[in-house]
Amino acid sequence: MTQEELFKKLIAHSKEYGFIFPSSEIYDGLSAVYDYGQLGVELKNNIKRYWWDAMTKLHDNIVGIDAAIFMHPKTWEASGHVGAFNDPLIDNKDSKKRYRADVLIEEWIAKQDEKIEKEVAKAAKRFGEAFDEQQFRTTNGRVLELAAKRDAAHAKMAEVLNANDLAGVKALIEELEIVCPVSGTKNWTDVRQFNLMFSTQMGSTADGASIVYLRPETAQGIFVNFLNVQKTGRMKIPFGIAQIGKAFRNEIVARQFIFRMREFEQMEMQFFVKPGTEMQWFEHWRQFRMNWHRALGFGDDRYRFHDHEKLAHYANAATDVEYEFPFGFKEVEGIHSRTDFDLSQHAKFSGKKIQYFDTESGESYTPYVVETSIGVDRMFLQVFSAAYTEEKLDNGEERVVLRFPAALAPVKAAVLPLVKKDGLPEMARKIVDDLKFDHFVQYDEKDSIGKRYRRQDAIGTPLCITVDHQSTEDGSVTIRHRDSMQQERVAAADLPTIINNLVSLRPLFDKLLK
């Protein structure tokens, strides 16, 4: 099965089992906009809880807010979004398709890496146990040639993008002989910039209305509330402000399912520090955030850092946490050292003094900021794609199972009476009633017990609790574990404790605090 086929199966599975639906599907949908179904919203909320608690509960100097989506238009002038929030776009004249020019180049670079890995794999197969991979990578002519081309293209891309040289971007695309994925031709237009903000009007009449924007990021809501939070919370530097909220970008090249959408959700934390200490804190949050991802247990080798060569105008350091999706390594989170740009800009445009007074040193200064920013939807896709598993069992049967970490699983347990008689449904319902105030549980009595197990596997339920005739005699039930499919007999009275221990976030947090 190719990676493309796997990705298509993921999308189909997410719809079939109530995780994600195309928005307005009865009207043929709306491009790059999706709705979260009954199980999708539970998984999404659990991901957000994992992030929120890791920020606000594990750190006594981080608090949360919920800022409005609409903000004064000057906010976006101060932040630079009105003048500079652009993507470099290029059209193919034959296919009439539009692409982000930088993404075309990045994909060409990724293909060189793929070619290198193929050369390494072929050599490993040819030489067997005697194969020295490191020596091969540093001496093989073909590998060195591909690596040189890749590195040269990467350096040139960073140069032209940093210089905002749009003609240089097009020249690089032509030099690399990049073709349109649809038409297969190199008949490109010039590269031009496109602003990504959605605008609308606020006011009772058309003549009296003013233009406002749907926020393209949640960070600015934190910056304009810096003094409010600092003073009312009596916060001392260093401290952070966390927020989860919707943002909107008019992505022309929206693609890859929910990876890049026009309406999306962000989890951002802005950490305010004393100037001169920002790189120390940048490194701290770089490691903490990577540990947060790896704690989920999807494999440390499926994550990597990608340090930015092209820095945003406000940053002095930036890195991405990338995950290996079915379509390659892609960004799920960014960690940025934003200097004092944001607070200084808002002070300038508002005419208000935005500084922190250090009572110990007696000095006032504009704090620097280290930001962690993660897309909820990308994180959802990362968890979903990592969890999706097709398994062939020892008896020859096949099953699809979502191996979610138990703490993130939408449904924590399913309660299944073996038959629909003899008091078994009543006992099963009683167990559901005992558990439902603490956990999202399901009751299912339809079809054979085997089919019911498969349904729960397909939605990622960690435990199935079966009530049988013995249950009515001694108060015991059978619990079946999703991943191992092993079964054990336990007392029904012990179920709350068993489930609490299984689905708790604490084991994940213990890994972060070590």
Protein backbone atom coordinates (compact mmCIF):
# COMPACT_ATOMS: atom_id res chain seq x y z
CA MET A 1 0.00 0.00 0.00
CA THR A 2 1.43 3.36 -1.03
CA GLN A 3 1.44 6.36 1.31
CA GLU A 4 -1.13 8.05 -0.92
CA GLU A 5 -3.44 5.04 -0.62
CA LEU A 6 -2.96 5.03 3.16
CA PHE A 7 -3.86 8.70 3.37
CA LYS A 8 -7.04 8.12 1.37
CA LYS A 9 -7.98 5.32 3.78
CA LEU A 10 -7.42 7.65 6.74
CA ILE A 11 -9.77 10.23 5.26
CA ALA A 12 -12.42 7.63 4.46
CA HIS A 13 -12.15 6.09 7.94
CA SER A 14 -12.47 9.47 9.63
CA LYS A 15 -15.78 10.09 7.87
CA GLU A 16 -17.20 6.57 8.15
CA TYR A 17 -16.83 6.54 11.94
CA GLY A 18 -17.91 10.08 12.73
CA PHE A 19 -14.63 11.91 13.21
CA ILE A 20 -14.59 14.45 10.37
CA PHE A 21 -17.13 15.48 7.73
CA PRO A 22 -16.79 17.86 4.78
CA SER A 23 -18.50 21.11 5.76
CA SER A 24 -21.92 21.71 4.20
CA GLU A 25 -21.65 18.37 2.46
CA ILE A 26 -25.31 18.30 1.36
CA TYR A 27 -24.45 21.37 -0.75
CA ASP A 28 -21.35 19.66 -2.18
CA GLY A 29 -19.10 21.03 0.57
CA LEU A 30 -16.90 24.09 0.96
CA SER A 31 -13.28 23.83 -0.09
CA ALA A 32 -10.79 23.39 2.77
CA VAL A 33 -13.43 23.64 5.49
CA TYR A 34 -14.38 20.63 7.65
CA ASP A 35 -16.72 19.76 10.51
CA TYR A 36 -15.77 17.56 13.45
CA GLY A 37 -18.26 14.79 14.09
CA GLN A 38 -19.39 13.20 17.34
CA LEU A 39 -16.15 11.30 17.91
CA GLY A 40 -13.91 13.88 16.30
CA VAL A 41 -14.95 16.59 18.72
CA GLU A 42 -14.19 14.30 21.67
CA LEU A 43 -10.69 13.52 20.35
CA LYS A 44 -10.12 17.19 19.59
CA ASN A 45 -11.20 18.25 23.08
CA ASN A 46 -8.92 15.63 24.64
CA ILE A 47 -5.95 16.91 22.63
CA LYS A 48 -6.73 20.44 23.77
CA ARG A 49 -7.00 19.31 27.39
CA TYR A 50 -3.62 17.57 27.16
CA TRP A 51 -2.06 20.81 25.88
CA TRP A 52 -3.93 23.16 28.23
CA ASP A 53 -3.16 21.19 31.37
CA ALA A 54 0.50 20.73 30.35
CA MET A 55 0.77 24.52 30.13
CA THR A 56 -1.41 25.84 32.93
CA LYS A 57 -1.31 23.03 35.51
CA LEU A 58 2.32 22.02 35.20
CA HIS A 59 3.56 25.63 35.30
CA ASP A 60 2.59 27.97 38.12
CA ASN A 61 3.68 30.97 36.02
CA ILE A 62 1.43 30.32 33.00
CA VAL A 63 -2.23 31.43 32.90
CA GLY A 64 -4.86 31.29 30.18
CA ILE A 65 -7.15 33.74 28.43
CA ASP A 66 -9.78 33.64 25.69
CA ALA A 67 -9.51 36.75 23.51
CA ALA A 68 -12.14 37.82 20.96
CA ILE A 69 -11.84 36.91 17.29
CA PHE A 70 -12.62 40.47 16.20
CA MET A 71 -9.95 43.00 17.13
CA HIS A 72 -9.40 46.67 16.40
CA PRO A 73 -8.08 47.01 12.81
CA LYS A 74 -4.97 48.83 14.06
CA THR A 75 -3.96 45.59 15.77
CA TRP A 76 -3.16 44.08 12.38
CA GLU A 77 -1.35 47.18 11.18
CA ALA A 78 0.86 47.04 14.27
CA SER A 79 1.52 43.31 13.88
CA GLY A 80 2.49 43.72 10.22
CA HIS A 81 -0.29 41.51 8.87
CA VAL A 82 -1.93 44.22 6.78
CA GLY A 83 1.27 44.99 4.92
CA ALA A 84 3.22 41.76 4.98
CA PHE A 85 1.03 38.71 5.65
CA ASN A 86 1.53 37.23 2.21
CA ASP A 87 2.30 33.97 0.44
CA PRO A 88 4.36 33.82 -2.80
CA LEU A 89 2.04 32.30 -5.38
CA ILE A 90 2.67 31.05 -8.91
CA ASP A 91 0.27 29.73 -11.56
CA ASN A 92 0.82 27.15 -14.25
CA LYS A 93 -0.59 28.56 -17.49
CA ASP A 94 -1.53 25.15 -18.88
CA SER A 95 -3.30 23.56 -15.91
CA LYS A 96 -4.57 26.89 -14.52
CA LYS A 97 -3.56 25.58 -11.08
CA ARG A 98 -2.09 27.85 -8.42
CA TYR A 99 0.74 26.86 -6.08
CA ARG A 100 2.79 28.32 -3.29
CA ALA A 101 6.14 28.90 -4.92
CA ASP A 102 8.14 28.12 -1.79
CA VAL A 103 6.29 24.82 -1.32
CA LEU A 104 7.11 23.74 -4.88
CA ILE A 105 10.79 24.27 -4.11
CA GLU A 106 10.56 22.52 -0.73
CA GLU A 107 8.92 19.51 -2.39
CA TRP A 108 11.72 19.39 -4.98
CA ILE A 109 14.26 19.40 -2.13
CA ALA A 110 12.34 16.62 -0.36
CA LYS A 111 12.47 14.53 -3.54
CA GLN A 112 16.27 14.74 -3.51
CA ASP A 113 16.24 13.35 0.03
CA GLU A 114 13.96 10.54 -1.14
CA LYS A 115 16.38 9.72 -3.98
CA ILE A 116 19.26 9.59 -1.50
CA GLU A 117 17.35 7.22 0.78
CA LYS A 118 16.60 4.96 -2.21
CA GLU A 119 20.29 4.82 -3.08
CA VAL A 120 21.10 3.94 0.54
CA ALA A 121 18.39 1.25 0.65
CA LYS A 122 19.62 -0.34 -2.58
CA ALA A 123 23.19 -0.41 -1.31
CA ALA A 124 22.14 -1.87 2.03
CA LYS A 125 20.31 -4.67 0.21
CA ARG A 126 23.28 -5.31 -2.06
CA PHE A 127 25.98 -5.42 0.63
CA GLY A 128 23.97 -6.94 3.50
CA GLU A 129 25.55 -7.01 6.95
CA ALA A 130 28.82 -5.62 5.63
CA PHE A 131 27.12 -2.35 4.64
CA ASP A 132 28.57 0.78 6.27
CA GLU A 133 25.84 3.37 5.83
CA GLN A 134 27.85 6.33 7.11
CA GLN A 135 30.74 5.60 4.77
CA PHE A 136 28.37 5.13 1.85
CA ARG A 137 26.66 8.47 2.48
CA THR A 138 30.00 10.30 2.59
CA THR A 139 31.72 8.62 -0.37
CA ASN A 140 29.13 7.49 -2.93
CA GLY A 141 29.23 9.75 -5.96
CA ARG A 142 25.50 9.67 -6.69
CA VAL A 143 24.58 10.44 -3.08
CA LEU A 144 27.08 13.30 -2.91
CA GLU A 145 25.75 14.74 -6.18
CA LEU A 146 22.14 14.67 -4.96
CA ALA A 147 23.11 16.15 -1.59
CA ALA A 148 25.02 18.98 -3.28
CA LYS A 149 22.06 19.83 -5.50
CA ARG A 150 19.72 19.73 -2.50
CA ASP A 151 21.94 21.95 -0.36
CA ALA A 152 22.48 24.47 -3.15
CA ALA A 153 18.75 24.74 -3.81
CA HIS A 154 18.05 25.10 -0.10
CA ALA A 155 20.59 27.89 0.28
CA LYS A 156 19.32 29.72 -2.81
CA MET A 157 15.70 29.43 -1.64
CA ALA A 158 16.59 30.92 1.74
CA GLU A 159 18.46 33.75 0.00
CA VAL A 160 15.66 34.80 -2.38
CA LEU A 161 12.88 34.40 0.18
CA ASN A 162 14.74 36.42 2.81
CA ALA A 163 15.30 39.13 0.21
CA ASN A 164 11.65 38.95 -0.90
CA ASP A 165 13.05 38.50 -4.41
CA LEU A 166 10.01 37.18 -6.29
CA ALA A 167 11.81 37.17 -9.63
CA GLY A 168 14.58 35.15 -7.98
CA VAL A 169 12.02 32.66 -6.68
CA LYS A 170 10.67 32.10 -10.20
CA ALA A 171 14.20 31.84 -11.59
CA LEU A 172 15.00 29.11 -9.05
CA ILE A 173 11.84 27.18 -10.00
CA GLU A 174 12.93 27.36 -13.65
CA GLU A 175 16.53 26.45 -12.82
CA LEU A 176 15.38 23.34 -10.94
CA GLU A 177 13.09 22.48 -13.87
CA ILE A 178 10.10 22.05 -11.56
CA VAL A 179 6.99 20.96 -13.45
CA CYS A 180 3.33 21.40 -12.61
CA PRO A 181 2.05 18.20 -10.90
CA VAL A 182 -1.13 18.38 -13.01
CA SER A 183 -0.04 19.44 -16.50
CA GLY A 184 3.58 18.28 -16.32
CA THR A 185 4.73 21.52 -17.97
CA LYS A 186 7.06 24.34 -16.90
CA ASN A 187 4.87 27.12 -18.28
CA TRP A 188 4.82 29.34 -15.17
CA THR A 189 3.55 32.84 -14.50
CA ASP A 190 5.52 35.35 -12.46
CA VAL A 191 5.49 34.93 -8.68
CA ARG A 192 3.31 37.41 -6.80
CA GLN A 193 2.26 38.00 -3.22
CA PHE A 194 -1.25 37.34 -1.90
CA ASN A 195 -2.55 38.62 1.45
CA LEU A 196 -4.16 35.85 3.49
CA MET A 197 -6.47 37.81 5.80
CA PHE A 198 -10.26 37.63 5.56
CA SER A 199 -11.91 41.03 5.87
CA THR A 200 -15.49 41.92 6.70
CA GLN A 201 -17.50 44.96 7.79
CA MET A 202 -18.63 45.97 11.25
CA GLY A 203 -21.42 48.51 11.61
CA SER A 204 -25.15 48.97 11.17
CA THR A 205 -25.05 50.57 7.72
CA ALA A 206 -22.87 50.07 4.68
CA ASP A 207 -21.77 53.71 4.67
CA GLY A 208 -20.96 53.76 8.37
CA ALA A 209 -19.32 50.34 8.53
CA SER A 210 -15.64 49.90 9.20
CA ILE A 211 -13.42 47.14 7.86
CA VAL A 212 -12.37 44.53 10.41
CA TYR A 213 -10.49 41.29 9.97
CA LEU A 214 -11.01 37.72 11.06
CA ARG A 215 -7.86 37.12 13.06
CA PRO A 216 -5.20 35.14 11.17
CA GLU A 217 -3.57 34.08 14.46
CA THR A 218 -4.43 34.09 18.15
CA ALA A 219 -1.15 35.56 19.41
CA GLN A 220 -2.13 39.22 19.05
CA GLY A 221 -5.02 38.76 21.47
CA ILE A 222 -2.41 37.78 24.06
CA PHE A 223 -0.10 40.71 23.34
CA VAL A 224 -2.78 43.40 23.62
CA ASN A 225 -3.83 41.87 26.96
CA PHE A 226 -0.30 41.70 28.36
CA LEU A 227 -0.77 44.51 30.88
CA ASN A 228 -4.28 43.37 31.85
CA VAL A 229 -3.08 39.88 32.73
CA GLN A 230 0.22 40.98 34.29
CA LYS A 231 -1.38 43.51 36.62
CA THR A 232 -4.54 41.65 37.62
CA GLY A 233 -2.67 38.38 38.06
CA ARG A 234 0.33 40.03 39.76
CA MET A 235 2.50 38.06 37.36
CA LYS A 236 6.28 38.30 37.58
CA ILE A 237 8.68 37.87 34.68
CA PRO A 238 9.16 35.22 33.41
CA PHE A 239 5.54 34.22 32.87
CA GLY A 240 3.33 32.95 30.08
CA ILE A 241 -0.16 33.46 28.70
CA ALA A 242 -1.85 30.53 26.95
CA GLN A 243 -4.83 30.55 24.61
CA ILE A 244 -6.80 28.15 22.43
CA GLY A 245 -8.92 29.69 19.69
CA LYS A 246 -10.04 29.85 16.08
CA ALA A 247 -8.06 31.65 13.39
CA PHE A 248 -8.77 32.23 9.71
CA ARG A 249 -6.54 32.40 6.64
CA ASN A 250 -7.61 32.69 3.04
CA GLU A 251 -5.34 29.87 1.93
CA ILE A 252 -5.25 29.69 -1.84
CA VAL A 253 -3.39 26.40 -1.75
CA ALA A 254 -5.37 24.61 0.95
CA ARG A 255 -4.71 20.87 0.75
CA GLN A 256 -3.94 17.57 2.46
CA PHE A 257 -7.26 17.24 4.23
CA ILE A 258 -7.27 19.12 7.55
CA PHE A 259 -3.53 19.84 7.43
CA ARG A 260 -4.06 23.25 5.82
CA MET A 261 -7.50 24.83 6.15
CA ARG A 262 -9.10 28.24 5.91
CA GLU A 263 -10.71 27.98 9.35
CA PHE A 264 -8.56 26.31 11.97
CA GLU A 265 -7.75 26.27 15.66
CA GLN A 266 -4.52 27.16 17.40
CA MET A 267 -3.01 26.45 20.80
CA GLU A 268 -0.52 29.21 21.52
CA MET A 269 1.52 30.24 24.52
CA GLN A 270 3.49 33.48 24.68
CA PHE A 271 6.22 33.41 27.34
CA PHE A 272 7.46 36.83 28.45
CA VAL A 273 11.10 37.02 29.54
CA LYS A 274 13.79 39.52 30.41
CA PRO A 275 15.80 40.69 27.38
CA GLY A 276 19.02 38.74 27.15
CA THR A 277 17.51 35.51 28.51
CA GLU A 278 15.36 34.71 25.48
CA MET A 279 17.71 32.14 23.95
CA GLN A 280 17.87 30.20 27.21
CA TRP A 281 14.07 30.09 27.32
CA PHE A 282 13.87 29.33 23.60
CA GLU A 283 15.93 26.20 24.18
CA HIS A 284 13.84 25.29 27.24
CA TRP A 285 10.57 25.46 25.34
CA ARG A 286 12.10 23.77 22.30
CA GLN A 287 12.86 20.69 24.39
CA PHE A 288 9.70 20.79 26.48
CA ARG A 289 7.45 20.89 23.45
CA MET A 290 9.29 18.05 21.72
CA ASN A 291 8.97 15.99 24.91
CA TRP A 292 5.23 16.76 24.99
CA HIS A 293 4.84 15.25 21.52
CA ARG A 294 7.05 12.24 22.15
CA ALA A 295 5.28 11.43 25.43
CA LEU A 296 2.34 10.17 23.34
CA GLY A 297 4.41 7.16 22.35
CA PHE A 298 4.18 7.28 18.57
CA GLY A 299 7.93 6.82 18.13
CA ASP A 300 10.70 9.31 18.79
CA ASP A 301 12.14 8.80 15.30
CA ARG A 302 8.93 10.12 13.71
CA TYR A 303 9.66 13.62 15.04
CA ARG A 304 12.42 16.03 14.15
CA PHE A 305 13.33 19.70 14.47
CA HIS A 306 13.55 21.93 11.43
CA ASP A 307 15.44 25.14 12.21
CA HIS A 308 14.41 28.14 10.12
CA GLU A 309 16.93 29.72 7.80
CA LYS A 310 14.42 32.31 6.72
CA LEU A 311 13.37 34.12 9.89
CA ALA A 312 10.25 36.24 10.21
CA HIS A 313 11.04 39.94 10.49
CA TYR A 314 10.30 39.88 14.23
CA ALA A 315 12.27 36.74 15.18
CA ASN A 316 15.86 36.03 16.19
CA ALA A 317 15.39 32.24 16.37
CA ALA A 318 12.78 29.80 15.13
CA THR A 319 12.33 26.05 14.80
CA ASP A 320 9.52 23.68 13.88
CA VAL A 321 8.58 20.36 15.37
CA GLU A 322 7.92 18.15 12.34
CA TYR A 323 6.10 14.82 12.28
CA GLU A 324 6.31 12.13 9.61
CA PHE A 325 2.82 12.12 8.12
CA PRO A 326 1.85 9.72 5.31
CA PHE A 327 2.77 12.59 2.97
CA GLY A 328 6.19 13.23 4.57
CA PHE A 329 7.67 15.25 7.41
CA LYS A 330 5.55 18.36 8.00
CA GLU A 331 5.30 21.04 10.65
CA VAL A 332 2.92 20.53 13.57
CA GLU A 333 4.32 23.17 15.91
CA GLY A 334 6.51 26.25 15.78
CA ILE A 335 8.71 27.63 18.55
CA HIS A 336 9.84 31.21 17.95
CA SER A 337 11.86 33.84 19.76
CA ARG A 338 9.88 36.95 18.79
CA THR A 339 12.12 39.53 20.56
CA ASP A 340 10.21 42.62 21.78
CA PHE A 341 8.67 43.32 18.38
CA ASP A 342 5.02 42.68 19.25
CA LEU A 343 4.78 44.65 22.49
CA SER A 344 6.86 47.50 21.04
CA GLN A 345 4.66 47.71 17.95
CA HIS A 346 1.44 47.78 19.97
CA ALA A 347 2.90 50.46 22.23
CA LYS A 348 3.81 52.52 19.16
CA PHE A 349 0.46 52.18 17.39
CA SER A 350 -1.73 52.55 20.50
CA GLY A 351 0.26 55.32 22.14
CA LYS A 352 0.18 53.34 25.40
CA LYS A 353 3.23 52.43 27.46
CA ILE A 354 3.57 48.63 27.49
CA GLN A 355 6.43 47.75 29.79
CA TYR A 356 7.20 45.62 32.82
CA PHE A 357 8.54 47.16 36.03
CA ASP A 358 10.98 44.88 37.81
CA THR A 359 10.60 45.60 41.53
CA GLU A 360 13.85 43.83 42.37
CA SER A 361 16.11 45.74 39.98
CA GLY A 362 14.01 48.89 39.87
CA GLU A 363 14.08 49.00 36.06
CA SER A 364 11.37 49.06 33.43
CA TYR A 365 11.73 47.24 30.14
CA THR A 366 9.77 45.81 27.25
CA PRO A 367 9.80 42.00 27.68
CA TYR A 368 11.00 39.66 24.99
CA VAL A 369 8.71 36.81 23.96
CA VAL A 370 9.23 33.12 23.27
CA GLU A 371 6.23 31.61 21.50
CA THR A 372 5.00 28.04 21.17
CA SER A 373 2.28 27.69 18.54
CA ILE A 374 0.59 24.43 17.58
CA GLY A 375 -2.32 23.78 15.24
CA VAL A 376 -5.08 21.75 16.86
CA ASP A 377 -6.21 20.37 13.51
CA ARG A 378 -2.70 19.35 12.48
CA MET A 379 -2.24 17.73 15.87
CA PHE A 380 -5.54 15.89 15.36
CA LEU A 381 -4.32 14.63 11.97
CA GLN A 382 -0.99 13.63 13.48
CA VAL A 383 -2.64 11.63 16.28
CA PHE A 384 -5.16 10.07 13.91
CA SER A 385 -2.60 9.04 11.29
CA ALA A 386 -0.20 7.69 13.94
CA ALA A 387 -2.98 5.67 15.57
CA TYR A 388 -4.43 4.16 12.37
CA THR A 389 -3.33 0.54 12.06
CA GLU A 390 -4.37 -2.29 9.75
CA GLU A 391 -3.67 -5.64 11.37
CA LYS A 392 -3.75 -9.24 10.23
CA LEU A 393 -4.56 -11.52 13.16
CA ASP A 394 -3.25 -15.00 13.89
CA ASN A 395 -6.56 -16.54 12.82
CA GLY A 396 -6.30 -14.91 9.40
CA GLU A 397 -8.85 -12.18 10.10
CA GLU A 398 -8.08 -8.52 9.61
CA ARG A 399 -8.99 -5.55 11.73
CA VAL A 400 -8.56 -1.78 11.62
CA VAL A 401 -7.67 -0.33 15.00
CA LEU A 402 -7.01 3.22 16.13
CA ARG A 403 -4.26 2.95 18.73
CA PHE A 404 -4.94 6.25 20.46
CA PRO A 405 -3.19 6.90 23.75
CA ALA A 406 -5.92 6.04 26.26
CA ALA A 407 -5.97 9.59 27.64
CA LEU A 408 -6.86 10.97 24.19
CA ALA A 409 -9.30 8.27 23.06
CA PRO A 410 -12.78 9.69 22.34
CA VAL A 411 -14.59 6.79 23.98
CA LYS A 412 -12.88 5.47 27.09
CA ALA A 413 -14.86 2.24 27.45
CA ALA A 414 -17.69 0.33 25.79
CA VAL A 415 -20.11 -1.71 27.91
CA LEU A 416 -21.46 -4.75 26.07
CA PRO A 417 -24.07 -7.20 27.39
CA LEU A 418 -23.35 -10.63 25.95
CA VAL A 419 -27.04 -11.15 25.09
CA LYS A 420 -30.13 -8.95 25.23
CA LYS A 421 -31.88 -10.89 28.00
CA ASP A 422 -31.51 -12.52 31.43
CA GLY A 423 -30.86 -9.19 33.16
CA LEU A 424 -27.57 -8.57 31.32
CA PRO A 425 -28.67 -5.31 29.62
CA GLU A 426 -29.89 -3.98 32.96
CA MET A 427 -26.58 -4.69 34.66
CA ALA A 428 -24.68 -3.21 31.71
CA ARG A 429 -26.80 -0.05 31.86
CA LYS A 430 -26.05 0.24 35.58
CA ILE A 431 -22.31 0.10 34.83
CA VAL A 432 -22.72 2.83 32.20
CA ASP A 433 -24.56 4.99 34.73
CA ASP A 434 -21.77 4.49 37.26
CA LEU A 435 -19.07 5.53 34.76
CA LYS A 436 -20.66 8.23 32.60
CA PHE A 437 -20.19 11.15 34.98
CA ASP A 438 -16.42 10.73 34.81
CA HIS A 439 -15.87 9.29 31.34
CA PHE A 440 -17.39 9.16 27.88
CA VAL A 441 -18.59 5.54 27.59
CA GLN A 442 -20.78 3.74 25.06
CA TYR A 443 -23.41 1.03 25.42
CA ASP A 444 -23.80 -1.41 22.54
CA GLU A 445 -25.97 -4.52 22.35
CA LYS A 446 -26.35 -4.92 18.58
CA ASP A 447 -24.69 -7.80 16.62
CA SER A 448 -22.33 -10.49 17.82
CA ILE A 449 -19.77 -9.69 20.49
CA GLY A 450 -16.99 -10.07 17.90
CA LYS A 451 -18.51 -7.45 15.60
CA ARG A 452 -18.98 -5.12 18.54
CA TYR A 453 -15.30 -5.51 19.47
CA ARG A 454 -14.32 -4.62 15.89
CA ARG A 455 -16.49 -1.48 15.95
CA GLN A 456 -14.80 -0.31 19.13
CA ASP A 457 -11.35 -1.12 17.72
CA ALA A 458 -12.17 1.03 14.70
CA ILE A 459 -12.91 4.08 16.87
CA GLY A 460 -10.01 3.51 19.26
CA THR A 461 -11.83 2.53 22.47
CA PRO A 462 -9.16 1.27 24.95
CA LEU A 463 -11.43 -1.07 26.92
CA CYS A 464 -14.48 -3.20 26.18
CA ILE A 465 -16.43 -4.38 29.22
CA THR A 466 -18.52 -7.49 28.62
CA VAL A 467 -21.39 -8.41 30.95
CA ASP A 468 -22.23 -12.13 30.84
CA HIS A 469 -24.23 -14.58 32.92
CA GLN A 470 -21.44 -14.98 35.44
CA SER A 471 -21.61 -11.23 35.99
CA THR A 472 -25.11 -11.51 37.47
CA GLU A 473 -23.89 -14.24 39.82
CA ASP A 474 -20.66 -12.81 41.25
CA GLY A 475 -20.54 -9.18 40.08
CA SER A 476 -17.52 -9.72 37.82
CA VAL A 477 -17.10 -8.66 34.19
CA THR A 478 -14.63 -9.33 31.38
CA ILE A 479 -12.51 -6.45 30.18
CA ARG A 480 -10.84 -6.71 26.79
CA HIS A 481 -7.82 -4.54 25.99
CA ARG A 482 -7.86 -2.92 22.56
CA ASP A 483 -4.21 -3.25 21.56
CA SER A 484 -3.41 -6.73 22.84
CA MET A 485 -6.98 -8.10 22.63
CA GLN A 486 -6.20 -9.86 25.91
CA GLN A 487 -9.11 -10.39 28.29
CA GLU A 488 -9.25 -10.55 32.07
CA ARG A 489 -11.89 -10.99 34.72
CA VAL A 490 -12.35 -8.15 37.20
CA ALA A 491 -14.93 -7.05 39.72
CA ALA A 492 -17.42 -4.57 38.30
CA ALA A 493 -16.92 -2.48 41.43
CA ASP A 494 -13.27 -1.98 40.46
CA LEU A 495 -14.04 -0.56 37.02
CA PRO A 496 -13.94 3.14 38.01
CA THR A 497 -10.44 2.73 39.44
CA ILE A 498 -9.21 0.65 36.50
CA ILE A 499 -10.47 3.15 33.94
CA ASN A 500 -9.27 6.17 35.91
CA ASN A 501 -5.75 4.76 36.02
CA LEU A 502 -5.80 3.82 32.35
CA VAL A 503 -7.04 7.10 30.89
CA SER A 504 -5.36 9.56 33.25
CA LEU A 505 -3.12 12.26 31.79
CA ARG A 506 -0.78 11.84 34.73
CA PRO A 507 1.53 9.22 33.15
CA LEU A 508 2.06 11.58 30.21
CA PHE A 509 2.80 14.48 32.54
CA ASP A 510 5.19 12.36 34.59
CA LYS A 511 7.30 11.93 31.43
CA LEU A 512 7.38 15.72 30.97
CA LEU A 513 8.48 16.45 34.51
CA LYS A 514 11.39 13.99 34.59
